Every structure is written in C-alpha cells, then in structure tokens.
Amino acid sequence: MFVSPTYGPLKLEQVVQRMCAFMKKEGEYRIIVGTDSQPLLRSTLFVSAIVVHRIGRGGIYFYRKTYDLKPYSTKERILAEASMSLALASEMLQLLARDIVLSEHYRQLLEIHLDVGEKGLTREILNVVVGMVKGSGYVAQIKPDAFAASCVADKHTKSA
C-alpha cells in the first residue's frame, strides 16, 4: 500500500491512475522512482517513493514502507534499494502496458534515483548500481541530483 500526502492510502493501480490524471495537465514531466533505507534495532526499513515532477511547477509523490527482518551491510542495503526501485519501475510499466504507446512514453520519462554519491561510503558501489539501472534501460541519477531517494524517501525513513 502506498501513501500520498495529497490522496491518502492507495494501491499501486490507483497511484498509476493518479499519476496519469496529474500528467494530463499541460507541461513537461519526469517520473522518478527512488528508495532509501534505515537500519532499525531488529530490522531494516525501506521506503520507495514515486515522484511525478511537473518541471518548473512542482509535483506529487507517493511512498510505501517495507520492513525486512534481515540486517544489511551498507553495500547490501544500497543494492537492495536499487533492486526495489527497479522492481517498482517495472511494476508501474506493466500496469501501463495495456496501452503500448503510453507505456513507451512513460518509460522515456522514467528515472531511477539512487542514494549513492561520489563521496562517502557509497562511492565504492556507485558503478555497480548505476550499471544495474542503465542496464535495465532507465536513466540513473546519483547524489546530489537524486532527490527522490535522498530527500523524499529519506524523509519517510526518518519518521519511522
């Protein structure tokens, strides 16, 4: 189940419907998927966010929380975040696949934001996760441009 600050709790199908309705307004758009994680005492929290950015005019977002009882190292968490974002992007495109033209249009707008950067611990795994995303046919963004993961999803990992 996803949560939207604007629309409340929604299933993924409803999220896609809201996205499509939002994108009918005039403008240029980006669809962004990003995941962040937070180690907890006995589990790991993952938050995946879907952001629809109307360039120059704001946007809307949706997020879902997933808990995993497994402890992860930093590298394992980053790989899991990237995998979750890719799986979510694939799920969204499958829902849009009923209309091939629409599906291809959304694929071209879709970006995956990764919570990695060229500084810090994550730089060691940067090329691996960027390669995963690019190899899957998506645009990859890293910090400081990866706001869906490092700001939107991160906001909801901290409020756990």
N, C-alpha and C. Protein backbone atom coordinates (compact mmCIF):
# COMPACT_ATOMS: atom_id res chain seq x y z
N MET A 1 0.83 -1.17 0.00
CA MET A 1 0.00 0.00 0.00
C MET A 1 0.89 1.25 0.00
N PHE A 2 0.55 2.18 -0.85
CA PHE A 2 1.27 3.44 -0.93
C PHE A 2 0.53 4.51 -0.14
N VAL A 3 1.22 5.56 0.20
CA VAL A 3 0.63 6.70 0.87
C VAL A 3 0.98 7.94 0.06
N SER A 4 0.00 8.82 -0.08
CA SER A 4 0.21 10.11 -0.72
C SER A 4 -0.21 11.19 0.26
N PRO A 5 0.62 12.22 0.46
CA PRO A 5 0.19 13.33 1.32
C PRO A 5 -1.06 14.01 0.77
N THR A 6 -1.27 13.93 -0.53
CA THR A 6 -2.42 14.56 -1.18
C THR A 6 -3.64 13.66 -1.20
N TYR A 7 -3.47 12.37 -1.53
CA TYR A 7 -4.60 11.47 -1.78
C TYR A 7 -4.80 10.39 -0.72
N GLY A 8 -3.88 10.26 0.24
CA GLY A 8 -4.01 9.23 1.26
C GLY A 8 -3.51 7.88 0.80
N PRO A 9 -3.99 6.79 1.45
CA PRO A 9 -3.53 5.44 1.10
C PRO A 9 -4.08 4.99 -0.26
N LEU A 10 -3.22 4.37 -1.07
CA LEU A 10 -3.59 3.93 -2.41
C LEU A 10 -2.88 2.63 -2.77
N LYS A 11 -3.54 1.82 -3.58
CA LYS A 11 -2.88 0.66 -4.19
C LYS A 11 -2.07 1.17 -5.38
N LEU A 12 -1.12 0.37 -5.84
CA LEU A 12 -0.28 0.80 -6.96
C LEU A 12 -1.11 1.15 -8.19
N GLU A 13 -2.16 0.40 -8.45
CA GLU A 13 -3.03 0.70 -9.60
C GLU A 13 -3.63 2.10 -9.48
N GLN A 14 -4.03 2.47 -8.26
CA GLN A 14 -4.59 3.80 -8.02
C GLN A 14 -3.52 4.88 -8.15
N VAL A 15 -2.31 4.56 -7.72
CA VAL A 15 -1.19 5.51 -7.87
C VAL A 15 -0.99 5.82 -9.35
N VAL A 16 -0.96 4.79 -10.17
CA VAL A 16 -0.76 4.97 -11.61
C VAL A 16 -1.90 5.81 -12.20
N GLN A 17 -3.13 5.55 -11.77
CA GLN A 17 -4.27 6.35 -12.24
C GLN A 17 -4.10 7.82 -11.87
N ARG A 18 -3.70 8.08 -10.63
CA ARG A 18 -3.49 9.47 -10.17
C ARG A 18 -2.36 10.14 -10.94
N MET A 19 -1.31 9.37 -11.21
CA MET A 19 -0.18 9.90 -11.99
C MET A 19 -0.66 10.33 -13.38
N CYS A 20 -1.40 9.44 -14.03
CA CYS A 20 -1.88 9.73 -15.38
C CYS A 20 -2.79 10.95 -15.39
N ALA A 21 -3.66 11.06 -14.40
CA ALA A 21 -4.56 12.21 -14.32
C ALA A 21 -3.76 13.50 -14.10
N PHE A 22 -2.75 13.43 -13.24
CA PHE A 22 -1.92 14.60 -12.96
C PHE A 22 -1.17 15.04 -14.21
N MET A 23 -0.71 14.08 -15.00
CA MET A 23 0.11 14.38 -16.17
C MET A 23 -0.71 14.82 -17.39
N LYS A 24 -2.02 14.86 -17.25
CA LYS A 24 -2.85 15.37 -18.35
C LYS A 24 -2.79 16.89 -18.43
N LYS A 25 -2.35 17.53 -17.35
CA LYS A 25 -2.19 18.98 -17.37
C LYS A 25 -1.00 19.33 -18.26
N GLU A 26 -1.08 20.48 -18.87
CA GLU A 26 -0.02 20.90 -19.79
C GLU A 26 1.30 21.06 -19.04
N GLY A 27 2.38 20.63 -19.67
CA GLY A 27 3.70 20.77 -19.08
C GLY A 27 4.61 19.61 -19.43
N GLU A 28 5.87 19.74 -19.00
CA GLU A 28 6.85 18.67 -19.17
C GLU A 28 6.98 17.94 -17.85
N TYR A 29 7.15 16.62 -17.91
CA TYR A 29 7.16 15.80 -16.71
C TYR A 29 8.36 14.87 -16.65
N ARG A 30 8.68 14.50 -15.41
CA ARG A 30 9.61 13.41 -15.14
C ARG A 30 8.91 12.49 -14.14
N ILE A 31 9.05 11.20 -14.34
CA ILE A 31 8.58 10.22 -13.37
C ILE A 31 9.83 9.64 -12.73
N ILE A 32 9.87 9.68 -11.41
CA ILE A 32 11.09 9.31 -10.71
C ILE A 32 10.76 8.27 -9.63
N VAL A 33 11.58 7.25 -9.57
CA VAL A 33 11.46 6.23 -8.53
C VAL A 33 12.77 6.23 -7.76
N GLY A 34 12.66 6.24 -6.44
CA GLY A 34 13.84 6.17 -5.59
C GLY A 34 13.53 5.46 -4.30
N THR A 35 14.52 4.80 -3.74
CA THR A 35 14.35 4.07 -2.49
C THR A 35 15.46 4.45 -1.53
N ASP A 36 15.10 4.58 -0.26
CA ASP A 36 16.08 4.82 0.80
C ASP A 36 15.83 3.78 1.89
N SER A 37 16.81 3.57 2.74
CA SER A 37 16.65 2.59 3.81
C SER A 37 17.22 3.13 5.11
N GLN A 38 16.79 2.51 6.18
CA GLN A 38 17.24 2.89 7.51
C GLN A 38 17.36 1.63 8.35
N PRO A 39 18.57 1.34 8.87
CA PRO A 39 18.67 0.18 9.76
C PRO A 39 17.97 0.52 11.09
N LEU A 40 17.15 -0.40 11.55
CA LEU A 40 16.47 -0.24 12.83
C LEU A 40 17.06 -1.24 13.81
N LEU A 41 16.55 -1.29 15.00
CA LEU A 41 17.11 -2.16 16.03
C LEU A 41 17.14 -3.63 15.59
N ARG A 42 16.02 -4.14 15.09
CA ARG A 42 15.95 -5.56 14.72
C ARG A 42 15.47 -5.77 13.29
N SER A 43 15.48 -4.74 12.49
CA SER A 43 15.03 -4.87 11.11
C SER A 43 15.62 -3.73 10.28
N THR A 44 15.25 -3.70 9.03
CA THR A 44 15.65 -2.62 8.13
C THR A 44 14.40 -2.09 7.48
N LEU A 45 14.26 -0.78 7.50
CA LEU A 45 13.12 -0.12 6.86
C LEU A 45 13.55 0.35 5.48
N PHE A 46 12.75 0.03 4.48
CA PHE A 46 12.95 0.52 3.12
C PHE A 46 11.74 1.38 2.76
N VAL A 47 11.99 2.55 2.20
CA VAL A 47 10.92 3.42 1.72
C VAL A 47 11.17 3.69 0.25
N SER A 48 10.21 3.32 -0.58
CA SER A 48 10.27 3.57 -2.02
C SER A 48 9.31 4.71 -2.35
N ALA A 49 9.80 5.67 -3.12
CA ALA A 49 8.99 6.82 -3.49
C ALA A 49 8.83 6.88 -5.00
N ILE A 50 7.63 7.30 -5.41
CA ILE A 50 7.34 7.62 -6.80
C ILE A 50 7.04 9.10 -6.84
N VAL A 51 7.80 9.83 -7.62
CA VAL A 51 7.62 11.28 -7.74
C VAL A 51 7.23 11.60 -9.17
N VAL A 52 6.19 12.41 -9.32
CA VAL A 52 5.83 12.93 -10.63
C VAL A 52 6.14 14.42 -10.58
N HIS A 53 7.17 14.81 -11.28
CA HIS A 53 7.66 16.19 -11.26
C HIS A 53 7.20 16.91 -12.52
N ARG A 54 6.36 17.90 -12.33
CA ARG A 54 5.99 18.77 -13.46
C ARG A 54 7.06 19.86 -13.45
N ILE A 55 7.94 19.82 -14.41
CA ILE A 55 9.14 20.65 -14.43
C ILE A 55 8.76 22.13 -14.35
N GLY A 56 9.31 22.77 -13.33
CA GLY A 56 9.05 24.19 -13.11
C GLY A 56 7.74 24.49 -12.40
N ARG A 57 6.97 23.44 -12.07
CA ARG A 57 5.65 23.67 -11.46
C ARG A 57 5.31 22.69 -10.35
N GLY A 58 6.32 22.12 -9.69
CA GLY A 58 6.04 21.25 -8.57
C GLY A 58 5.77 19.82 -8.96
N GLY A 59 5.01 19.12 -8.14
CA GLY A 59 4.72 17.74 -8.43
C GLY A 59 3.94 17.07 -7.32
N ILE A 60 3.81 15.76 -7.44
CA ILE A 60 3.16 14.94 -6.43
C ILE A 60 4.05 13.73 -6.17
N TYR A 61 3.85 13.11 -5.01
CA TYR A 61 4.61 11.90 -4.74
C TYR A 61 3.80 10.91 -3.92
N PHE A 62 4.27 9.67 -3.98
CA PHE A 62 3.66 8.55 -3.28
C PHE A 62 4.80 7.73 -2.69
N TYR A 63 4.57 7.09 -1.54
CA TYR A 63 5.63 6.26 -0.97
C TYR A 63 5.02 5.04 -0.29
N ARG A 64 5.86 4.01 -0.18
CA ARG A 64 5.47 2.84 0.60
C ARG A 64 6.64 2.40 1.46
N LYS A 65 6.29 1.89 2.63
CA LYS A 65 7.29 1.39 3.58
C LYS A 65 7.28 -0.13 3.57
N THR A 66 8.47 -0.69 3.60
CA THR A 66 8.64 -2.14 3.68
C THR A 66 9.67 -2.43 4.77
N TYR A 67 9.36 -3.38 5.61
CA TYR A 67 10.29 -3.78 6.67
C TYR A 67 10.86 -5.15 6.34
N ASP A 68 12.15 -5.32 6.58
CA ASP A 68 12.81 -6.60 6.38
C ASP A 68 13.53 -6.95 7.67
N LEU A 69 13.30 -8.15 8.18
CA LEU A 69 13.90 -8.56 9.45
C LEU A 69 15.39 -8.85 9.34
N LYS A 70 15.90 -8.88 8.12
CA LYS A 70 17.31 -9.18 7.89
C LYS A 70 18.16 -7.92 8.14
N PRO A 71 19.28 -8.08 8.85
CA PRO A 71 20.23 -6.95 8.94
C PRO A 71 21.05 -6.89 7.65
N TYR A 72 21.35 -5.69 7.20
CA TYR A 72 22.08 -5.48 5.96
C TYR A 72 23.34 -4.67 6.23
N SER A 73 24.40 -4.96 5.50
CA SER A 73 25.56 -4.07 5.50
C SER A 73 25.18 -2.86 4.63
N THR A 74 25.98 -1.82 4.65
CA THR A 74 25.68 -0.64 3.84
C THR A 74 25.60 -1.02 2.36
N LYS A 75 26.55 -1.78 1.87
CA LYS A 75 26.55 -2.17 0.46
C LYS A 75 25.33 -3.01 0.11
N GLU A 76 24.97 -3.92 0.99
CA GLU A 76 23.78 -4.75 0.74
C GLU A 76 22.52 -3.90 0.70
N ARG A 77 22.43 -2.92 1.60
CA ARG A 77 21.26 -2.03 1.62
C ARG A 77 21.16 -1.23 0.33
N ILE A 78 22.29 -0.71 -0.17
CA ILE A 78 22.28 0.08 -1.41
C ILE A 78 21.85 -0.79 -2.59
N LEU A 79 22.36 -2.02 -2.65
CA LEU A 79 21.94 -2.94 -3.71
C LEU A 79 20.46 -3.27 -3.61
N ALA A 80 19.97 -3.48 -2.39
CA ALA A 80 18.55 -3.77 -2.19
C ALA A 80 17.70 -2.56 -2.58
N GLU A 81 18.15 -1.34 -2.24
CA GLU A 81 17.41 -0.13 -2.63
C GLU A 81 17.29 -0.03 -4.15
N ALA A 82 18.40 -0.24 -4.83
CA ALA A 82 18.38 -0.17 -6.30
C ALA A 82 17.46 -1.24 -6.88
N SER A 83 17.53 -2.44 -6.35
CA SER A 83 16.68 -3.53 -6.83
C SER A 83 15.20 -3.23 -6.60
N MET A 84 14.88 -2.67 -5.45
CA MET A 84 13.48 -2.32 -5.15
C MET A 84 12.98 -1.23 -6.09
N SER A 85 13.81 -0.25 -6.38
CA SER A 85 13.41 0.82 -7.30
C SER A 85 13.18 0.27 -8.70
N LEU A 86 14.06 -0.61 -9.15
CA LEU A 86 13.89 -1.22 -10.47
C LEU A 86 12.63 -2.08 -10.53
N ALA A 87 12.36 -2.83 -9.48
CA ALA A 87 11.16 -3.68 -9.45
C ALA A 87 9.90 -2.81 -9.47
N LEU A 88 9.91 -1.71 -8.73
CA LEU A 88 8.76 -0.81 -8.70
C LEU A 88 8.55 -0.16 -10.07
N ALA A 89 9.62 0.28 -10.71
CA ALA A 89 9.51 0.87 -12.05
C ALA A 89 8.91 -0.15 -13.02
N SER A 90 9.34 -1.40 -12.91
CA SER A 90 8.83 -2.46 -13.77
C SER A 90 7.34 -2.71 -13.51
N GLU A 91 6.94 -2.73 -12.24
CA GLU A 91 5.53 -2.91 -11.89
C GLU A 91 4.67 -1.80 -12.49
N MET A 92 5.16 -0.57 -12.38
CA MET A 92 4.42 0.58 -12.92
C MET A 92 4.25 0.44 -14.43
N LEU A 93 5.32 0.08 -15.11
CA LEU A 93 5.26 -0.05 -16.57
C LEU A 93 4.35 -1.21 -16.99
N GLN A 94 4.30 -2.27 -16.19
CA GLN A 94 3.39 -3.37 -16.50
C GLN A 94 1.94 -2.91 -16.43
N LEU A 95 1.62 -2.07 -15.46
CA LEU A 95 0.26 -1.54 -15.35
C LEU A 95 -0.08 -0.64 -16.54
N LEU A 96 0.93 0.01 -17.08
CA LEU A 96 0.71 0.89 -18.23
C LEU A 96 0.78 0.14 -19.55
N ALA A 97 1.18 -1.13 -19.52
CA ALA A 97 1.41 -1.90 -20.74
C ALA A 97 0.14 -2.17 -21.54
N ARG A 98 -1.00 -1.90 -20.94
CA ARG A 98 -2.26 -2.09 -21.67
C ARG A 98 -2.30 -1.17 -22.90
N ASP A 99 -1.61 -0.07 -22.79
CA ASP A 99 -1.53 0.90 -23.89
C ASP A 99 -0.05 1.03 -24.25
N ILE A 100 0.39 0.36 -25.29
CA ILE A 100 1.81 0.30 -25.65
C ILE A 100 2.40 1.69 -25.87
N VAL A 101 1.69 2.56 -26.57
CA VAL A 101 2.20 3.92 -26.82
C VAL A 101 2.41 4.65 -25.51
N LEU A 102 1.42 4.57 -24.62
CA LEU A 102 1.51 5.22 -23.33
C LEU A 102 2.65 4.64 -22.51
N SER A 103 2.78 3.32 -22.53
CA SER A 103 3.82 2.63 -21.80
C SER A 103 5.21 3.10 -22.24
N GLU A 104 5.45 3.19 -23.54
CA GLU A 104 6.75 3.64 -24.04
C GLU A 104 7.00 5.11 -23.70
N HIS A 105 5.94 5.91 -23.75
CA HIS A 105 6.06 7.32 -23.39
C HIS A 105 6.52 7.45 -21.93
N TYR A 106 5.90 6.71 -21.02
CA TYR A 106 6.28 6.78 -19.61
C TYR A 106 7.67 6.24 -19.38
N ARG A 107 8.05 5.17 -20.08
CA ARG A 107 9.40 4.62 -19.92
C ARG A 107 10.45 5.69 -20.24
N GLN A 108 10.19 6.51 -21.25
CA GLN A 108 11.14 7.55 -21.63
C GLN A 108 11.23 8.65 -20.57
N LEU A 109 10.17 8.85 -19.79
CA LEU A 109 10.17 9.88 -18.75
C LEU A 109 10.75 9.37 -17.44
N LEU A 110 10.91 8.06 -17.30
CA LEU A 110 11.23 7.45 -16.02
C LEU A 110 12.71 7.52 -15.68
N GLU A 111 12.97 7.94 -14.45
CA GLU A 111 14.34 7.97 -13.91
C GLU A 111 14.37 7.17 -12.63
N ILE A 112 15.52 6.60 -12.34
CA ILE A 112 15.74 5.92 -11.07
C ILE A 112 16.76 6.76 -10.29
N HIS A 113 16.37 7.21 -9.12
CA HIS A 113 17.27 7.97 -8.26
C HIS A 113 17.90 7.03 -7.24
N LEU A 114 19.21 7.08 -7.17
CA LEU A 114 19.99 6.20 -6.31
C LEU A 114 20.59 6.99 -5.16
N ASP A 115 20.51 6.42 -3.97
CA ASP A 115 21.04 7.10 -2.78
C ASP A 115 22.53 6.82 -2.64
N VAL A 116 23.27 7.15 -3.70
CA VAL A 116 24.73 6.98 -3.73
C VAL A 116 25.35 8.26 -4.28
N GLY A 117 26.62 8.44 -3.96
CA GLY A 117 27.32 9.60 -4.47
C GLY A 117 28.80 9.32 -4.63
N GLU A 118 29.50 10.30 -5.12
CA GLU A 118 30.93 10.13 -5.37
C GLU A 118 31.76 10.33 -4.12
N LYS A 119 31.11 10.71 -3.02
CA LYS A 119 31.79 10.87 -1.73
C LYS A 119 31.14 9.92 -0.73
N GLY A 120 31.86 9.59 0.30
CA GLY A 120 31.30 8.75 1.35
C GLY A 120 31.41 7.27 1.05
N LEU A 121 30.76 6.47 1.90
CA LEU A 121 30.84 5.01 1.81
C LEU A 121 30.25 4.46 0.52
N THR A 122 29.27 5.15 -0.03
CA THR A 122 28.55 4.60 -1.19
C THR A 122 29.33 4.71 -2.50
N ARG A 123 30.41 5.46 -2.51
CA ARG A 123 31.16 5.63 -3.77
C ARG A 123 31.74 4.31 -4.26
N GLU A 124 31.99 3.37 -3.32
CA GLU A 124 32.56 2.07 -3.69
C GLU A 124 31.60 1.23 -4.52
N ILE A 125 30.31 1.46 -4.37
CA ILE A 125 29.31 0.64 -5.06
C ILE A 125 28.59 1.43 -6.15
N LEU A 126 28.99 2.68 -6.33
CA LEU A 126 28.34 3.58 -7.29
C LEU A 126 28.24 2.98 -8.68
N ASN A 127 29.34 2.51 -9.24
CA ASN A 127 29.34 1.98 -10.61
C ASN A 127 28.46 0.74 -10.75
N VAL A 128 28.38 -0.06 -9.71
CA VAL A 128 27.57 -1.28 -9.75
C VAL A 128 26.09 -0.93 -9.88
N VAL A 129 25.59 -0.04 -8.99
CA VAL A 129 24.15 0.26 -9.01
C VAL A 129 23.76 1.13 -10.21
N VAL A 130 24.64 2.03 -10.63
CA VAL A 130 24.35 2.81 -11.84
C VAL A 130 24.30 1.87 -13.04
N GLY A 131 25.19 0.89 -13.08
CA GLY A 131 25.19 -0.10 -14.16
C GLY A 131 23.92 -0.94 -14.15
N MET A 132 23.42 -1.30 -12.96
CA MET A 132 22.16 -2.05 -12.86
C MET A 132 21.02 -1.26 -13.50
N VAL A 133 20.96 0.03 -13.18
CA VAL A 133 19.86 0.87 -13.67
C VAL A 133 19.97 1.09 -15.18
N LYS A 134 21.15 1.47 -15.62
CA LYS A 134 21.35 1.71 -17.06
C LYS A 134 21.15 0.43 -17.86
N GLY A 135 21.61 -0.69 -17.32
CA GLY A 135 21.44 -1.97 -17.99
C GLY A 135 19.98 -2.39 -18.10
N SER A 136 19.14 -1.84 -17.22
CA SER A 136 17.70 -2.11 -17.26
C SER A 136 16.96 -1.13 -18.16
N GLY A 137 17.70 -0.18 -18.74
CA GLY A 137 17.09 0.74 -19.70
C GLY A 137 16.56 2.03 -19.13
N TYR A 138 16.97 2.38 -17.91
CA TYR A 138 16.49 3.60 -17.28
C TYR A 138 17.62 4.62 -17.13
N VAL A 139 17.24 5.86 -16.92
CA VAL A 139 18.19 6.91 -16.59
C VAL A 139 18.49 6.80 -15.10
N ALA A 140 19.76 6.87 -14.74
CA ALA A 140 20.17 6.81 -13.33
C ALA A 140 20.63 8.20 -12.88
N GLN A 141 20.18 8.62 -11.72
CA GLN A 141 20.64 9.86 -11.11
C GLN A 141 21.26 9.52 -9.76
N ILE A 142 22.37 10.18 -9.43
CA ILE A 142 23.03 9.99 -8.14
C ILE A 142 23.04 11.31 -7.39
N LYS A 143 23.44 11.26 -6.12
CA LYS A 143 23.54 12.49 -5.33
C LYS A 143 24.50 13.45 -6.01
N PRO A 144 24.26 14.70 -6.04
CA PRO A 144 23.21 15.46 -5.35
C PRO A 144 21.91 15.57 -6.13
N ASP A 145 21.80 14.94 -7.30
CA ASP A 145 20.61 15.08 -8.15
C ASP A 145 19.55 14.02 -7.88
N ALA A 146 19.78 13.13 -6.94
CA ALA A 146 18.87 12.00 -6.70
C ALA A 146 17.89 12.32 -5.57
N PHE A 147 17.11 13.38 -5.73
CA PHE A 147 16.25 13.85 -4.64
C PHE A 147 15.12 12.88 -4.26
N ALA A 148 14.66 12.04 -5.18
CA ALA A 148 13.58 11.11 -4.84
C ALA A 148 14.05 10.13 -3.76
N ALA A 149 15.31 9.71 -3.83
CA ALA A 149 15.86 8.80 -2.82
C ALA A 149 16.41 9.56 -1.62
N SER A 150 17.22 10.59 -1.89
CA SER A 150 17.94 11.24 -0.79
C SER A 150 17.13 12.29 -0.04
N CYS A 151 15.97 12.69 -0.57
CA CYS A 151 15.12 13.66 0.13
C CYS A 151 13.73 13.09 0.42
N VAL A 152 13.00 12.72 -0.64
CA VAL A 152 11.61 12.28 -0.47
C VAL A 152 11.53 10.98 0.32
N ALA A 153 12.17 9.91 -0.17
CA ALA A 153 12.13 8.63 0.55
C ALA A 153 12.81 8.75 1.91
N ASP A 154 13.94 9.46 1.95
CA ASP A 154 14.68 9.65 3.20
C ASP A 154 13.80 10.29 4.28
N LYS A 155 12.97 11.24 3.90
CA LYS A 155 12.07 11.91 4.85
C LYS A 155 11.20 10.89 5.58
N HIS A 156 10.77 9.87 4.87
CA HIS A 156 9.86 8.89 5.45
C HIS A 156 10.59 7.73 6.13
N THR A 157 11.91 7.60 5.94
CA THR A 157 12.67 6.62 6.72
C THR A 157 12.95 7.20 8.10
N LYS A 158 13.07 8.50 8.17
CA LYS A 158 13.39 9.15 9.45
C LYS A 158 12.18 9.28 10.36
N SER A 159 10.99 9.20 9.79
CA SER A 159 9.76 9.36 10.58
C SER A 159 9.17 7.99 10.97
N ALA A 160 10.04 6.96 10.95
CA ALA A 160 9.55 5.59 11.21
C ALA A 160 9.07 5.41 12.63
